[in-house]
């Protein structure tokens, strides 16, 4: 397989995973792909192809905030627990950094 063909194949896989709405681990399991390989290719090919869709923020409504933590689950399957006292701007910046990985 040529380098260009390999590049196109992985771009298609990355786009398919993002459009699927599945977390990376689940997508990899369903498609028999190593999570480490998908993560590596995402980092490499997303830098080379700025046309790939960028993650976007969705409005969130907090219904019950009796707890002391905020649990975030990112599209790539990464989960993060934060104390509820964190500033929304700090949380947004943290998410942007994590999604860029």
C-alpha atoms as a PDB file:
ATOM      1  CA  UNK A   1       0.000   0.000   0.000  1.00  0.00           C
ATOM      2  CA  UNK A   2       1.417   3.407  -0.948  1.00  0.00           C
ATOM      3  CA  UNK A   3       1.906   6.127   1.651  1.00  0.00           C
ATOM      4  CA  UNK A   4      -0.857   8.184   0.032  1.00  0.00           C
ATOM      5  CA  UNK A   5      -3.274   5.241   0.085  1.00  0.00           C
ATOM      6  CA  UNK A   6      -2.426   4.549   3.738  1.00  0.00           C
ATOM      7  CA  UNK A   7      -2.990   8.227   4.537  1.00  0.00           C
ATOM      8  CA  UNK A   8      -6.395   8.195   2.818  1.00  0.00           C
ATOM      9  CA  UNK A   9      -7.381   4.950   4.555  1.00  0.00           C
ATOM     10  CA  UNK A  10      -6.629   6.344   8.021  1.00  0.00           C
ATOM     11  CA  UNK A  11      -8.316   9.673   7.289  1.00  0.00           C
ATOM     12  CA  UNK A  12     -11.461   7.728   6.344  1.00  0.00           C
ATOM     13  CA  UNK A  13     -11.244   5.640   9.529  1.00  0.00           C
ATOM     14  CA  UNK A  14     -10.742   8.741  11.701  1.00  0.00           C
ATOM     15  CA  UNK A  15     -13.687  10.529  10.077  1.00  0.00           C
ATOM     16  CA  UNK A  16     -15.863   7.420  10.415  1.00  0.00           C
ATOM     17  CA  UNK A  17     -15.033   7.103  14.124  1.00  0.00           C
ATOM     18  CA  UNK A  18     -15.838  10.769  14.770  1.00  0.00           C
ATOM     19  CA  UNK A  19     -19.114  10.601  12.860  1.00  0.00           C
ATOM     20  CA  UNK A  20     -20.104   7.344  14.562  1.00  0.00           C
ATOM     21  CA  UNK A  21     -20.484   9.017  17.939  1.00  0.00           C
ATOM     22  CA  UNK A  22     -18.695   6.057  19.530  1.00  0.00           C
ATOM     23  CA  UNK A  23     -15.827   6.539  21.939  1.00  0.00           C
ATOM     24  CA  UNK A  24     -12.508   5.448  20.474  1.00  0.00           C
ATOM     25  CA  UNK A  25     -12.239   2.260  22.568  1.00  0.00           C
ATOM     26  CA  UNK A  26     -15.708   1.072  21.525  1.00  0.00           C
ATOM     27  CA  UNK A  27     -15.129   1.959  17.857  1.00  0.00           C
ATOM     28  CA  UNK A  28     -11.795   0.125  17.876  1.00  0.00           C
ATOM     29  CA  UNK A  29     -13.364  -2.927  19.467  1.00  0.00           C
ATOM     30  CA  UNK A  30     -16.122  -3.040  16.842  1.00  0.00           C
ATOM     31  CA  UNK A  31     -13.660  -2.601  13.959  1.00  0.00           C
ATOM     32  CA  UNK A  32     -10.783  -4.739  15.304  1.00  0.00           C
ATOM     33  CA  UNK A  33      -8.384  -1.801  15.438  1.00  0.00           C
ATOM     34  CA  UNK A  34      -5.799  -1.262  18.168  1.00  0.00           C
ATOM     35  CA  UNK A  35      -6.692   1.838  20.198  1.00  0.00           C
ATOM     36  CA  UNK A  36      -3.011   2.828  20.283  1.00  0.00           C
ATOM     37  CA  UNK A  37      -2.852   2.733  16.473  1.00  0.00           C
ATOM     38  CA  UNK A  38      -5.988   4.846  16.063  1.00  0.00           C
ATOM     39  CA  UNK A  39      -4.764   7.383  18.638  1.00  0.00           C
ATOM     40  CA  UNK A  40      -1.375   7.611  16.951  1.00  0.00           C
ATOM     41  CA  UNK A  41      -2.892   8.047  13.477  1.00  0.00           C
ATOM     42  CA  UNK A  42      -5.314  10.686  14.766  1.00  0.00           C
ATOM     43  CA  UNK A  43      -2.412  12.751  16.113  1.00  0.00           C
ATOM     44  CA  UNK A  44      -0.359  12.391  12.946  1.00  0.00           C
ATOM     45  CA  UNK A  45      -3.045  12.776  10.278  1.00  0.00           C
ATOM     46  CA  UNK A  46      -5.114  15.471  11.994  1.00  0.00           C
ATOM     47  CA  UNK A  47      -2.040  17.703  12.028  1.00  0.00           C
ATOM     48  CA  UNK A  48      -1.562  17.086   8.312  1.00  0.00           C
ATOM     49  CA  UNK A  49      -5.222  17.535   7.364  1.00  0.00           C
ATOM     50  CA  UNK A  50      -6.884  20.642   8.833  1.00  0.00           C
ATOM     51  CA  UNK A  51     -10.099  19.797   6.920  1.00  0.00           C
ATOM     52  CA  UNK A  52     -11.003  17.069   9.413  1.00  0.00           C
ATOM     53  CA  UNK A  53     -13.888  18.203  11.615  1.00  0.00           C
ATOM     54  CA  UNK A  54     -12.869  19.983  14.785  1.00  0.00           C
ATOM     55  CA  UNK A  55     -14.475  19.023  18.072  1.00  0.00           C
ATOM     56  CA  UNK A  56     -17.185  21.433  19.057  1.00  0.00           C
ATOM     57  CA  UNK A  57     -18.764  22.315  22.351  1.00  0.00           C
ATOM     58  CA  UNK A  58     -22.404  21.580  22.982  1.00  0.00           C
ATOM     59  CA  UNK A  59     -24.504  23.475  25.527  1.00  0.00           C
ATOM     60  CA  UNK A  60     -24.855  21.633  28.803  1.00  0.00           C
ATOM     61  CA  UNK A  61     -27.619  22.062  31.317  1.00  0.00           C
ATOM     62  CA  UNK A  62     -26.832  21.005  34.871  1.00  0.00           C
ATOM     63  CA  UNK A  63     -30.030  19.543  36.267  1.00  0.00           C
ATOM     64  CA  UNK A  64     -28.878  18.343  39.673  1.00  0.00           C
ATOM     65  CA  UNK A  65     -25.661  19.659  41.157  1.00  0.00           C
ATOM     66  CA  UNK A  66     -25.905  18.182  44.643  1.00  0.00           C
ATOM     67  CA  UNK A  67     -22.717  16.213  44.045  1.00  0.00           C
ATOM     68  CA  UNK A  68     -19.243  17.581  44.452  1.00  0.00           C
ATOM     69  CA  UNK A  69     -17.771  16.483  41.144  1.00  0.00           C
ATOM     70  CA  UNK A  70     -18.256  17.065  37.443  1.00  0.00           C
ATOM     71  CA  UNK A  71     -17.670  14.017  35.267  1.00  0.00           C
ATOM     72  CA  UNK A  72     -16.625  14.699  31.678  1.00  0.00           C
ATOM     73  CA  UNK A  73     -16.499  12.010  29.024  1.00  0.00           C
ATOM     74  CA  UNK A  74     -14.789  13.113  25.825  1.00  0.00           C
ATOM     75  CA  UNK A  75     -15.494  11.627  22.376  1.00  0.00           C
ATOM     76  CA  UNK A  76     -12.156   9.815  22.461  1.00  0.00           C
ATOM     77  CA  UNK A  77     -13.268   7.890  25.568  1.00  0.00           C
ATOM     78  CA  UNK A  78     -11.197   9.906  28.035  1.00  0.00           C
ATOM     79  CA  UNK A  79     -13.012  10.524  31.330  1.00  0.00           C
ATOM     80  CA  UNK A  80     -12.223  13.233  33.855  1.00  0.00           C
ATOM     81  CA  UNK A  81     -13.627  14.020  37.302  1.00  0.00           C
ATOM     82  CA  UNK A  82     -13.326  17.603  38.570  1.00  0.00           C
ATOM     83  CA  UNK A  83     -14.558  19.307  41.724  1.00  0.00           C
ATOM     84  CA  UNK A  84     -17.646  21.367  40.894  1.00  0.00           C
ATOM     85  CA  UNK A  85     -15.893  24.526  42.147  1.00  0.00           C
ATOM     86  CA  UNK A  86     -13.770  24.783  38.944  1.00  0.00           C
ATOM     87  CA  UNK A  87     -14.375  27.825  36.791  1.00  0.00           C
ATOM     88  CA  UNK A  88     -16.163  27.094  33.480  1.00  0.00           C
ATOM     89  CA  UNK A  89     -13.429  28.888  31.523  1.00  0.00           C
ATOM     90  CA  UNK A  90     -10.761  26.668  33.058  1.00  0.00           C
ATOM     91  CA  UNK A  91     -12.794  23.557  32.252  1.00  0.00           C
ATOM     92  CA  UNK A  92     -13.265  24.708  28.640  1.00  0.00           C
ATOM     93  CA  UNK A  93      -9.523  25.332  28.236  1.00  0.00           C
ATOM     94  CA  UNK A  94      -8.718  21.928  29.715  1.00  0.00           C
ATOM     95  CA  UNK A  95     -11.152  20.193  27.353  1.00  0.00           C
ATOM     96  CA  UNK A  96      -9.719  22.025  24.334  1.00  0.00           C
ATOM     97  CA  UNK A  97      -6.222  20.859  25.241  1.00  0.00           C
ATOM     98  CA  UNK A  98      -7.378  17.267  25.815  1.00  0.00           C
ATOM     99  CA  UNK A  99      -9.302  17.150  22.531  1.00  0.00           C
ATOM    100  CA  UNK A 100      -6.277  18.404  20.619  1.00  0.00           C
ATOM    101  CA  UNK A 101      -4.241  15.343  21.670  1.00  0.00           C
END
